[in-house]
Amino acid sequence: MKNDILNKRRISADLCSCVDEDKKSLHMEFKIPGVKKKDIHLKMNNDSFSLRAEKDDVEYVSTGNFCCPVEIKTSEADYENGLLLINIPLVNPWDNAYDVPIH
């Protein structure tokens, strides 16, 4: 293991998430106070996310799965005053629906 990893305390980033009223977007809010934007590392797959944000001797971390199918390539994230706001569009379940031929 790297020495710098051993010297950092890992703390869970506080997360609040919800689906909007129209059920078109998943909103996620992470509290990561004192972190600089350049030190935030957010990765997403179609079904999960991983967050790592470093500040001095602290590393905020969080991983999880999405509640619903999401469209990660059109996601948006903003960071201000220690709050990372992420908006992830939900996949319309009818977008790839199969049109069944009727005989």
C-alpha atoms as a PDB file:
ATOM      1  CA  MET A   1       0.000   0.000   0.000  1.00  0.00           C
ATOM      2  CA  LYS A   2       1.061   3.537  -0.595  1.00  0.00           C
ATOM      3  CA  ASN A   3       2.167   5.540   2.439  1.00  0.00           C
ATOM      4  CA  ASP A   4      -0.108   8.481   1.558  1.00  0.00           C
ATOM      5  CA  ILE A   5      -3.163   6.201   1.705  1.00  0.00           C
ATOM      6  CA  LEU A   6      -2.196   5.017   5.173  1.00  0.00           C
ATOM      7  CA  ASN A   7      -1.891   8.614   6.415  1.00  0.00           C
ATOM      8  CA  LYS A   8      -5.414   9.655   5.360  1.00  0.00           C
ATOM      9  CA  ARG A   9      -8.579   9.098   7.349  1.00  0.00           C
ATOM     10  CA  ARG A  10     -11.442   7.793   5.244  1.00  0.00           C
ATOM     11  CA  ILE A  11     -14.803   9.350   5.978  1.00  0.00           C
ATOM     12  CA  SER A  12     -18.125   8.566   4.330  1.00  0.00           C
ATOM     13  CA  ALA A  13     -19.381  11.495   2.270  1.00  0.00           C
ATOM     14  CA  ASP A  14     -22.881  12.458   3.440  1.00  0.00           C
ATOM     15  CA  LEU A  15     -25.347  11.670   0.651  1.00  0.00           C
ATOM     16  CA  CYS A  16     -28.921  12.740   0.064  1.00  0.00           C
ATOM     17  CA  SER A  17     -30.591  11.385  -3.072  1.00  0.00           C
ATOM     18  CA  CYS A  18     -34.086  11.454  -4.520  1.00  0.00           C
ATOM     19  CA  VAL A  19     -36.006  11.114  -7.765  1.00  0.00           C
ATOM     20  CA  ASP A  20     -37.701  14.342  -8.888  1.00  0.00           C
ATOM     21  CA  GLU A  21     -41.497  14.656  -8.879  1.00  0.00           C
ATOM     22  CA  ASP A  22     -41.738  14.082 -12.647  1.00  0.00           C
ATOM     23  CA  LYS A  23     -39.653  10.914 -12.271  1.00  0.00           C
ATOM     24  CA  LYS A  24     -37.253  12.114 -14.971  1.00  0.00           C
ATOM     25  CA  SER A  25     -34.078  12.706 -12.935  1.00  0.00           C
ATOM     26  CA  LEU A  26     -32.161  11.347  -9.991  1.00  0.00           C
ATOM     27  CA  HIS A  27     -30.691  14.098  -7.793  1.00  0.00           C
ATOM     28  CA  MET A  28     -27.707  13.371  -5.564  1.00  0.00           C
ATOM     29  CA  GLU A  29     -26.107  15.753  -3.064  1.00  0.00           C
ATOM     30  CA  PHE A  30     -22.804  14.972  -1.358  1.00  0.00           C
ATOM     31  CA  LYS A  31     -21.471  17.025   1.555  1.00  0.00           C
ATOM     32  CA  ILE A  32     -17.690  17.181   1.208  1.00  0.00           C
ATOM     33  CA  PRO A  33     -16.651  20.348   3.092  1.00  0.00           C
ATOM     34  CA  GLY A  34     -13.327  22.000   2.414  1.00  0.00           C
ATOM     35  CA  VAL A  35     -12.523  19.942  -0.683  1.00  0.00           C
ATOM     36  CA  LYS A  36     -11.239  21.712  -3.800  1.00  0.00           C
ATOM     37  CA  LYS A  37     -13.010  20.932  -7.060  1.00  0.00           C
ATOM     38  CA  LYS A  38      -9.788  19.568  -8.592  1.00  0.00           C
ATOM     39  CA  ASP A  39      -9.600  16.957  -5.798  1.00  0.00           C
ATOM     40  CA  ILE A  40     -13.032  15.429  -6.504  1.00  0.00           C
ATOM     41  CA  HIS A  41     -13.092  12.177  -8.470  1.00  0.00           C
ATOM     42  CA  LEU A  42     -16.546  10.941  -9.505  1.00  0.00           C
ATOM     43  CA  LYS A  43     -17.026   7.889 -11.707  1.00  0.00           C
ATOM     44  CA  MET A  44     -20.299   6.386 -12.891  1.00  0.00           C
ATOM     45  CA  ASN A  45     -21.355   3.226 -14.633  1.00  0.00           C
ATOM     46  CA  ASN A  46     -24.880   2.554 -15.858  1.00  0.00           C
ATOM     47  CA  ASP A  47     -25.772   1.006 -12.501  1.00  0.00           C
ATOM     48  CA  SER A  48     -23.346   2.447  -9.914  1.00  0.00           C
ATOM     49  CA  PHE A  49     -21.099   5.314  -8.808  1.00  0.00           C
ATOM     50  CA  SER A  50     -17.863   5.878  -6.922  1.00  0.00           C
ATOM     51  CA  LEU A  51     -16.825   9.149  -5.279  1.00  0.00           C
ATOM     52  CA  ARG A  52     -13.440  10.029  -3.814  1.00  0.00           C
ATOM     53  CA  ALA A  53     -12.648  13.548  -2.617  1.00  0.00           C
ATOM     54  CA  GLU A  54      -9.421  14.447  -0.827  1.00  0.00           C
ATOM     55  CA  LYS A  55      -8.664  17.231   1.632  1.00  0.00           C
ATOM     56  CA  ASP A  56      -5.461  17.408   3.676  1.00  0.00           C
ATOM     57  CA  ASP A  57      -5.415  14.209   5.761  1.00  0.00           C
ATOM     58  CA  VAL A  58      -9.049  13.270   4.980  1.00  0.00           C
ATOM     59  CA  GLU A  59     -10.461  11.288   2.088  1.00  0.00           C
ATOM     60  CA  TYR A  60     -14.249  11.405   1.642  1.00  0.00           C
ATOM     61  CA  VAL A  61     -15.514   8.237  -0.055  1.00  0.00           C
ATOM     62  CA  SER A  62     -18.807   6.814  -1.219  1.00  0.00           C
ATOM     63  CA  THR A  63     -19.935   4.052  -3.564  1.00  0.00           C
ATOM     64  CA  GLY A  64     -23.368   2.780  -4.377  1.00  0.00           C
ATOM     65  CA  ASN A  65     -25.898   1.558  -6.887  1.00  0.00           C
ATOM     66  CA  PHE A  66     -28.553   3.625  -8.613  1.00  0.00           C
ATOM     67  CA  CYS A  67     -32.184   2.967  -7.732  1.00  0.00           C
ATOM     68  CA  CYS A  68     -33.323   3.054 -11.344  1.00  0.00           C
ATOM     69  CA  PRO A  69     -31.815   2.885 -14.846  1.00  0.00           C
ATOM     70  CA  VAL A  70     -29.951   6.141 -15.559  1.00  0.00           C
ATOM     71  CA  GLU A  71     -28.391   7.961 -18.512  1.00  0.00           C
ATOM     72  CA  ILE A  72     -24.879   8.729 -17.253  1.00  0.00           C
ATOM     73  CA  LYS A  73     -23.533  10.447 -20.391  1.00  0.00           C
ATOM     74  CA  THR A  74     -25.908  13.397 -19.986  1.00  0.00           C
ATOM     75  CA  SER A  75     -25.366  13.756 -16.233  1.00  0.00           C
ATOM     76  CA  GLU A  76     -24.343  17.122 -14.806  1.00  0.00           C
ATOM     77  CA  ALA A  77     -22.451  17.966 -11.628  1.00  0.00           C
ATOM     78  CA  ASP A  78     -21.777  21.267  -9.863  1.00  0.00           C
ATOM     79  CA  TYR A  79     -19.667  21.925  -6.792  1.00  0.00           C
ATOM     80  CA  GLU A  80     -19.989  24.953  -4.542  1.00  0.00           C
ATOM     81  CA  ASN A  81     -19.378  25.622  -0.853  1.00  0.00           C
ATOM     82  CA  GLY A  82     -18.693  21.994   0.050  1.00  0.00           C
ATOM     83  CA  LEU A  83     -21.787  20.598  -1.695  1.00  0.00           C
ATOM     84  CA  LEU A  84     -21.521  18.425  -4.822  1.00  0.00           C
ATOM     85  CA  LEU A  85     -24.835  18.462  -6.703  1.00  0.00           C
ATOM     86  CA  ILE A  86     -25.397  15.816  -9.369  1.00  0.00           C
ATOM     87  CA  ASN A  87     -28.357  15.529 -11.727  1.00  0.00           C
ATOM     88  CA  ILE A  88     -28.672  12.214 -13.565  1.00  0.00           C
ATOM     89  CA  PRO A  89     -31.475  11.743 -16.111  1.00  0.00           C
ATOM     90  CA  LEU A  90     -33.460   8.557 -15.692  1.00  0.00           C
ATOM     91  CA  VAL A  91     -33.801   6.253 -18.679  1.00  0.00           C
ATOM     92  CA  ASN A  92     -37.297   6.208 -20.101  1.00  0.00           C
ATOM     93  CA  PRO A  93     -38.310   2.546 -19.808  1.00  0.00           C
ATOM     94  CA  TRP A  94     -40.071   2.765 -23.179  1.00  0.00           C
ATOM     95  CA  ASP A  95     -37.032   4.044 -25.139  1.00  0.00           C
ATOM     96  CA  ASN A  96     -35.784   0.561 -26.026  1.00  0.00           C
ATOM     97  CA  ALA A  97     -39.079  -1.259 -25.775  1.00  0.00           C
ATOM     98  CA  TYR A  98     -39.683  -3.974 -28.316  1.00  0.00           C
ATOM     99  CA  ASP A  99     -42.642  -3.428 -30.624  1.00  0.00           C
ATOM    100  CA  VAL A 100     -44.298  -6.846 -30.690  1.00  0.00           C
ATOM    101  CA  PRO A 101     -45.765  -7.751 -34.056  1.00  0.00           C
ATOM    102  CA  ILE A 102     -49.328  -8.929 -33.893  1.00  0.00           C
ATOM    103  CA  HIS A 103     -50.433 -11.629 -36.364  1.00  0.00           C
END
